[in-house]
Amino acid sequence: MEIFENGERVVLFLFGILTERVPYAIVIQFLRTGEESLTLQKVAHKRVLNKKSTANVFKEIAITLKHIHSRGIVHNDLKSNNVIIQRKKDGNFQPIIIDFGKSEEIGKLKAYVRKADYLAPEVREGKNQSPASDIFSFGKMLESSISGRSFFALFTDVISSTTSERPWDRPSAHQVISAINNIVVILKN
């Protein structure tokens, strides 16, 4: 199933699910640039994105998170290696979130300890995850993608709110979209 929001593909094309034997498998669209996938981590490392394309890419990621969360799913492993970047015909960039292997339905989330600095404190401490956990990972991904860039200050408020230690203080994906829209307006002026 292919899902669209505002005319743009936001989740990979699902061809099918193989359930005849364990391990089960999903068959999804293969994304690559040349011979190798272009991840957000690689794009950030090479400093391909300017301030406008950074705002647009992270706005699209937030739109995708809003859609995923509205469907009752938490990604649970959002990081820059799990975002593929495609260059569109118009020269803009389209992020596509991949690797839903750790995703769970919101009502069925289980607490378990995982250690990685991009994960929310509640995940690292073995407490219950929530959509706010994905928002924390979003903020850490944004922070690492623009660290050391001249336009870092534009995103300081988004980063600090999304990476709050307390999940209840983090904005929703909808609020993140609004905050990034405000940055896009500033960039147009």
C-alpha atoms as a PDB file:
ATOM      1  CA  MET A   1       0.000   0.000   0.000  1.00  0.00           C
ATOM      2  CA  GLU A   2       1.293   3.413  -0.918  1.00  0.00           C
ATOM      3  CA  ILE A   3       0.363   6.323   1.343  1.00  0.00           C
ATOM      4  CA  PHE A   4       0.283   9.956   0.223  1.00  0.00           C
ATOM      5  CA  GLU A   5       0.034  13.207   2.133  1.00  0.00           C
ATOM      6  CA  ASN A   6      -0.151  16.528   0.304  1.00  0.00           C
ATOM      7  CA  GLY A   7       0.504  14.670  -2.949  1.00  0.00           C
ATOM      8  CA  GLU A   8       3.848  13.270  -1.741  1.00  0.00           C
ATOM      9  CA  ARG A   9       4.762   9.681  -0.885  1.00  0.00           C
ATOM     10  CA  VAL A  10       5.539   9.524   2.805  1.00  0.00           C
ATOM     11  CA  VAL A  11       5.869   5.790   3.483  1.00  0.00           C
ATOM     12  CA  LEU A  12       7.447   3.086   1.358  1.00  0.00           C
ATOM     13  CA  PHE A  13       5.464   1.116  -1.180  1.00  0.00           C
ATOM     14  CA  LEU A  14       4.502  -2.237   0.325  1.00  0.00           C
ATOM     15  CA  PHE A  15       4.406  -5.054  -2.224  1.00  0.00           C
ATOM     16  CA  GLY A  16       3.404  -7.828   0.151  1.00  0.00           C
ATOM     17  CA  ILE A  17       3.927  -9.768   3.345  1.00  0.00           C
ATOM     18  CA  LEU A  18       5.323 -13.307   3.441  1.00  0.00           C
ATOM     19  CA  THR A  19       3.780 -15.270   6.303  1.00  0.00           C
ATOM     20  CA  GLU A  20       4.153 -18.880   5.184  1.00  0.00           C
ATOM     21  CA  ARG A  21       7.094 -19.539   7.496  1.00  0.00           C
ATOM     22  CA  VAL A  22       9.251 -17.877  10.119  1.00  0.00           C
ATOM     23  CA  PRO A  23      10.973 -15.497   9.791  1.00  0.00           C
ATOM     24  CA  TYR A  24       8.156 -13.484   8.296  1.00  0.00           C
ATOM     25  CA  ALA A  25       9.122 -10.877   5.749  1.00  0.00           C
ATOM     26  CA  ILE A  26       7.747  -7.784   4.128  1.00  0.00           C
ATOM     27  CA  VAL A  27       8.521  -6.919   0.540  1.00  0.00           C
ATOM     28  CA  ILE A  28       8.912  -3.186   0.038  1.00  0.00           C
ATOM     29  CA  GLN A  29      10.139  -0.736  -2.552  1.00  0.00           C
ATOM     30  CA  PHE A  30      13.914  -0.694  -3.048  1.00  0.00           C
ATOM     31  CA  LEU A  31      15.326   2.820  -2.898  1.00  0.00           C
ATOM     32  CA  ARG A  32      18.778   3.734  -4.086  1.00  0.00           C
ATOM     33  CA  THR A  33      20.812   6.464  -5.725  1.00  0.00           C
ATOM     34  CA  GLY A  34      23.333   5.002  -8.120  1.00  0.00           C
ATOM     35  CA  GLU A  35      24.553   1.818  -6.481  1.00  0.00           C
ATOM     36  CA  GLU A  36      23.934   2.890  -2.916  1.00  0.00           C
ATOM     37  CA  SER A  37      21.085   4.257  -0.817  1.00  0.00           C
ATOM     38  CA  LEU A  38      21.404   7.904   0.119  1.00  0.00           C
ATOM     39  CA  THR A  39      20.497   8.222   3.790  1.00  0.00           C
ATOM     40  CA  LEU A  40      19.910  11.371   5.786  1.00  0.00           C
ATOM     41  CA  GLN A  41      23.106  10.566   7.677  1.00  0.00           C
ATOM     42  CA  LYS A  42      25.140  10.624   4.442  1.00  0.00           C
ATOM     43  CA  VAL A  43      23.415  13.781   3.200  1.00  0.00           C
ATOM     44  CA  ALA A  44      24.084  15.542   6.520  1.00  0.00           C
ATOM     45  CA  HIS A  45      27.702  14.374   6.616  1.00  0.00           C
ATOM     46  CA  LYS A  46      28.293  15.713   3.091  1.00  0.00           C
ATOM     47  CA  ARG A  47      26.384  18.917   3.956  1.00  0.00           C
ATOM     48  CA  VAL A  48      24.144  18.553   0.912  1.00  0.00           C
ATOM     49  CA  LEU A  49      21.152  20.265   2.532  1.00  0.00           C
ATOM     50  CA  ASN A  50      21.048  24.039   2.896  1.00  0.00           C
ATOM     51  CA  LYS A  51      18.835  25.736   5.483  1.00  0.00           C
ATOM     52  CA  LYS A  52      15.756  25.774   3.228  1.00  0.00           C
ATOM     53  CA  SER A  53      16.071  22.124   2.159  1.00  0.00           C
ATOM     54  CA  THR A  54      16.787  21.135   5.775  1.00  0.00           C
ATOM     55  CA  ALA A  55      13.545  22.801   6.885  1.00  0.00           C
ATOM     56  CA  ASN A  56      11.607  21.131   4.079  1.00  0.00           C
ATOM     57  CA  VAL A  57      13.090  17.665   4.672  1.00  0.00           C
ATOM     58  CA  PHE A  58      12.426  17.775   8.415  1.00  0.00           C
ATOM     59  CA  LYS A  59       8.945  19.164   7.842  1.00  0.00           C
ATOM     60  CA  GLU A  60       8.241  16.151   5.589  1.00  0.00           C
ATOM     61  CA  ILE A  61       9.635  13.793   8.243  1.00  0.00           C
ATOM     62  CA  ALA A  62       7.341  15.410  10.836  1.00  0.00           C
ATOM     63  CA  ILE A  63       4.365  15.061   8.451  1.00  0.00           C
ATOM     64  CA  THR A  64       5.204  11.389   8.077  1.00  0.00           C
ATOM     65  CA  LEU A  65       5.458  10.961  11.859  1.00  0.00           C
ATOM     66  CA  LYS A  66       2.087  12.659  12.275  1.00  0.00           C
ATOM     67  CA  HIS A  67       0.615  10.208   9.778  1.00  0.00           C
ATOM     68  CA  ILE A  68       2.262   7.180  11.421  1.00  0.00           C
ATOM     69  CA  HIS A  69       1.141   8.277  14.895  1.00  0.00           C
ATOM     70  CA  SER A  70      -2.407   8.982  13.649  1.00  0.00           C
ATOM     71  CA  ARG A  71      -2.512   5.357  12.489  1.00  0.00           C
ATOM     72  CA  GLY A  72      -1.663   4.250  16.021  1.00  0.00           C
ATOM     73  CA  ILE A  73       1.960   3.300  15.327  1.00  0.00           C
ATOM     74  CA  VAL A  74       5.228   4.329  17.001  1.00  0.00           C
ATOM     75  CA  HIS A  75       8.332   3.851  14.820  1.00  0.00           C
ATOM     76  CA  ASN A  76      10.632   3.124  17.804  1.00  0.00           C
ATOM     77  CA  ASP A  77      13.906   3.413  15.863  1.00  0.00           C
ATOM     78  CA  LEU A  78      13.922   6.812  14.170  1.00  0.00           C
ATOM     79  CA  LYS A  79      17.472   7.802  13.241  1.00  0.00           C
ATOM     80  CA  SER A  80      19.247   9.313  10.251  1.00  0.00           C
ATOM     81  CA  ASN A  81      20.205   5.888   8.870  1.00  0.00           C
ATOM     82  CA  ASN A  82      16.494   5.019   8.757  1.00  0.00           C
ATOM     83  CA  VAL A  83      15.606   7.931   6.493  1.00  0.00           C
ATOM     84  CA  ILE A  84      16.314   7.569   2.782  1.00  0.00           C
ATOM     85  CA  ILE A  85      16.625  10.782   0.786  1.00  0.00           C
ATOM     86  CA  GLN A  86      15.488  10.880  -2.820  1.00  0.00           C
ATOM     87  CA  ARG A  87      16.082  13.819  -5.109  1.00  0.00           C
ATOM     88  CA  LYS A  88      12.855  14.739  -6.878  1.00  0.00           C
ATOM     89  CA  LYS A  89      12.669  15.889 -10.500  1.00  0.00           C
ATOM     90  CA  ASP A  90      12.291  19.496  -9.333  1.00  0.00           C
ATOM     91  CA  GLY A  91      15.625  19.243  -7.452  1.00  0.00           C
ATOM     92  CA  ASN A  92      14.060  19.142  -3.994  1.00  0.00           C
ATOM     93  CA  PHE A  93      14.617  16.288  -1.577  1.00  0.00           C
ATOM     94  CA  GLN A  94      12.031  13.740  -0.424  1.00  0.00           C
ATOM     95  CA  PRO A  95      12.703  11.892   2.846  1.00  0.00           C
ATOM     96  CA  ILE A  96      11.289   8.393   3.241  1.00  0.00           C
ATOM     97  CA  ILE A  97      11.258   6.733   6.653  1.00  0.00           C
ATOM     98  CA  ILE A  98      12.276   3.084   6.518  1.00  0.00           C
ATOM     99  CA  ASP A  99      12.882   0.143   8.885  1.00  0.00           C
ATOM    100  CA  PHE A 100       9.678  -0.378  10.799  1.00  0.00           C
ATOM    101  CA  GLY A 101      11.120  -3.531  12.378  1.00  0.00           C
ATOM    102  CA  LYS A 102      10.847  -2.139  15.933  1.00  0.00           C
ATOM    103  CA  SER A 103       7.552  -0.319  15.385  1.00  0.00           C
ATOM    104  CA  GLU A 104       4.583  -1.149  17.575  1.00  0.00           C
ATOM    105  CA  GLU A 105       0.958  -0.228  17.925  1.00  0.00           C
ATOM    106  CA  ILE A 106       0.598   2.510  20.531  1.00  0.00           C
ATOM    107  CA  GLY A 107      -1.715   0.396  22.697  1.00  0.00           C
ATOM    108  CA  LYS A 108       0.676  -2.567  22.644  1.00  0.00           C
ATOM    109  CA  LEU A 109       3.970  -0.847  23.447  1.00  0.00           C
ATOM    110  CA  LYS A 110       6.168  -2.771  25.835  1.00  0.00           C
ATOM    111  CA  ALA A 111       8.872  -1.305  28.010  1.00  0.00           C
ATOM    112  CA  TYR A 112      12.357  -2.596  27.281  1.00  0.00           C
ATOM    113  CA  VAL A 113      15.825  -1.137  27.723  1.00  0.00           C
ATOM    114  CA  ARG A 114      17.728  -0.023  24.630  1.00  0.00           C
ATOM    115  CA  LYS A 115      20.862   2.075  24.705  1.00  0.00           C
ATOM    116  CA  ALA A 116      21.552   4.672  22.025  1.00  0.00           C
ATOM    117  CA  ASP A 117      21.876   8.436  22.361  1.00  0.00           C
ATOM    118  CA  TYR A 118      19.176   9.094  19.744  1.00  0.00           C
ATOM    119  CA  LEU A 119      16.592   7.222  21.846  1.00  0.00           C
ATOM    120  CA  ALA A 120      14.395   8.989  24.373  1.00  0.00           C
ATOM    121  CA  PRO A 121      15.329   8.771  28.063  1.00  0.00           C
ATOM    122  CA  GLU A 122      12.235   6.679  28.799  1.00  0.00           C
ATOM    123  CA  VAL A 123      13.383   4.084  26.251  1.00  0.00           C
ATOM    124  CA  ARG A 124      16.946   4.001  27.610  1.00  0.00           C
ATOM    125  CA  GLU A 125      15.523   3.538  31.132  1.00  0.00           C
ATOM    126  CA  GLY A 126      13.129   0.736  30.154  1.00  0.00           C
ATOM    127  CA  LYS A 127       9.963   2.788  30.640  1.00  0.00           C
ATOM    128  CA  ASN A 128       7.007   2.868  28.244  1.00  0.00           C
ATOM    129  CA  GLN A 129       7.502   4.373  24.818  1.00  0.00           C
ATOM    130  CA  SER A 130       4.991   6.656  23.136  1.00  0.00           C
ATOM    131  CA  PRO A 131       4.760   8.939  20.103  1.00  0.00           C
ATOM    132  CA  ALA A 132       6.760  11.392  22.252  1.00  0.00           C
ATOM    133  CA  SER A 133       9.659   8.918  22.089  1.00  0.00           C
ATOM    134  CA  ASP A 134       9.691   9.262  18.284  1.00  0.00           C
ATOM    135  CA  ILE A 135       9.585  13.053  18.671  1.00  0.00           C
ATOM    136  CA  PHE A 136      12.693  12.906  20.884  1.00  0.00           C
ATOM    137  CA  SER A 137      14.489  10.845  18.223  1.00  0.00           C
ATOM    138  CA  PHE A 138      13.337  13.352  15.584  1.00  0.00           C
ATOM    139  CA  GLY A 139      14.922  16.181  17.587  1.00  0.00           C
ATOM    140  CA  LYS A 140      18.192  14.287  18.050  1.00  0.00           C
ATOM    141  CA  MET A 141      18.247  13.504  14.324  1.00  0.00           C
ATOM    142  CA  LEU A 142      17.705  17.187  13.469  1.00  0.00           C
ATOM    143  CA  GLU A 143      20.370  18.248  15.951  1.00  0.00           C
ATOM    144  CA  SER A 144      22.994  15.855  14.592  1.00  0.00           C
ATOM    145  CA  SER A 145      22.122  16.706  10.981  1.00  0.00           C
ATOM    146  CA  ILE A 146      22.812  20.429  11.405  1.00  0.00           C
ATOM    147  CA  SER A 147      25.408  20.452  14.160  1.00  0.00           C
ATOM    148  CA  GLY A 148      28.140  22.934  13.279  1.00  0.00           C
ATOM    149  CA  ARG A 149      26.109  24.537  10.487  1.00  0.00           C
ATOM    150  CA  SER A 150      25.686  28.313  10.238  1.00  0.00           C
ATOM    151  CA  PHE A 151      21.889  28.007  10.391  1.00  0.00           C
ATOM    152  CA  PHE A 152      21.766  25.838  13.538  1.00  0.00           C
ATOM    153  CA  ALA A 153      20.272  28.738  15.549  1.00  0.00           C
ATOM    154  CA  LEU A 154      17.134  28.730  13.339  1.00  0.00           C
ATOM    155  CA  PHE A 155      16.256  25.301  14.707  1.00  0.00           C
ATOM    156  CA  THR A 156      17.296  25.728  18.363  1.00  0.00           C
ATOM    157  CA  ASP A 157      13.734  26.012  19.693  1.00  0.00           C
ATOM    158  CA  VAL A 158      12.551  22.951  17.753  1.00  0.00           C
ATOM    159  CA  ILE A 159      15.524  20.924  18.962  1.00  0.00           C
ATOM    160  CA  SER A 160      15.180  21.958  22.603  1.00  0.00           C
ATOM    161  CA  SER A 161      11.426  21.270  22.733  1.00  0.00           C
ATOM    162  CA  THR A 162      11.600  17.919  20.953  1.00  0.00           C
ATOM    163  CA  THR A 163      14.506  16.666  23.063  1.00  0.00           C
ATOM    164  CA  SER A 164      13.003  17.547  26.420  1.00  0.00           C
ATOM    165  CA  GLU A 165      13.843  14.948  29.070  1.00  0.00           C
ATOM    166  CA  ARG A 166      10.151  14.697  30.011  1.00  0.00           C
ATOM    167  CA  PRO A 167       7.922  13.105  27.346  1.00  0.00           C
ATOM    168  CA  TRP A 168       4.893  15.178  28.353  1.00  0.00           C
ATOM    169  CA  ASP A 169       6.836  18.383  27.591  1.00  0.00           C
ATOM    170  CA  ARG A 170       7.607  17.362  24.002  1.00  0.00           C
ATOM    171  CA  PRO A 171       5.430  18.726  21.209  1.00  0.00           C
ATOM    172  CA  SER A 172       3.246  16.513  19.038  1.00  0.00           C
ATOM    173  CA  ALA A 173       4.235  15.923  15.411  1.00  0.00           C
ATOM    174  CA  HIS A 174       1.538  18.455  14.447  1.00  0.00           C
ATOM    175  CA  GLN A 175       3.153  21.089  16.678  1.00  0.00           C
ATOM    176  CA  VAL A 176       6.582  20.297  15.205  1.00  0.00           C
ATOM    177  CA  ILE A 177       5.164  20.838  11.702  1.00  0.00           C
ATOM    178  CA  SER A 178       3.828  24.247  12.790  1.00  0.00           C
ATOM    179  CA  ALA A 179       7.170  25.225  14.303  1.00  0.00           C
ATOM    180  CA  ILE A 180       9.047  24.257  11.158  1.00  0.00           C
ATOM    181  CA  ASN A 181       6.460  26.078   9.020  1.00  0.00           C
ATOM    182  CA  ASN A 182       7.376  29.216  10.980  1.00  0.00           C
ATOM    183  CA  ILE A 183      11.030  28.653  10.033  1.00  0.00           C
ATOM    184  CA  VAL A 184      10.041  28.178   6.372  1.00  0.00           C
ATOM    185  CA  VAL A 185       8.187  31.539   6.485  1.00  0.00           C
ATOM    186  CA  ILE A 186      11.305  33.227   7.908  1.00  0.00           C
ATOM    187  CA  LEU A 187      13.414  31.712   5.140  1.00  0.00           C
ATOM    188  CA  LYS A 188      11.051  33.028   2.445  1.00  0.00           C
ATOM    189  CA  ASN A 189      11.390  36.612   3.706  1.00  0.00           C
END
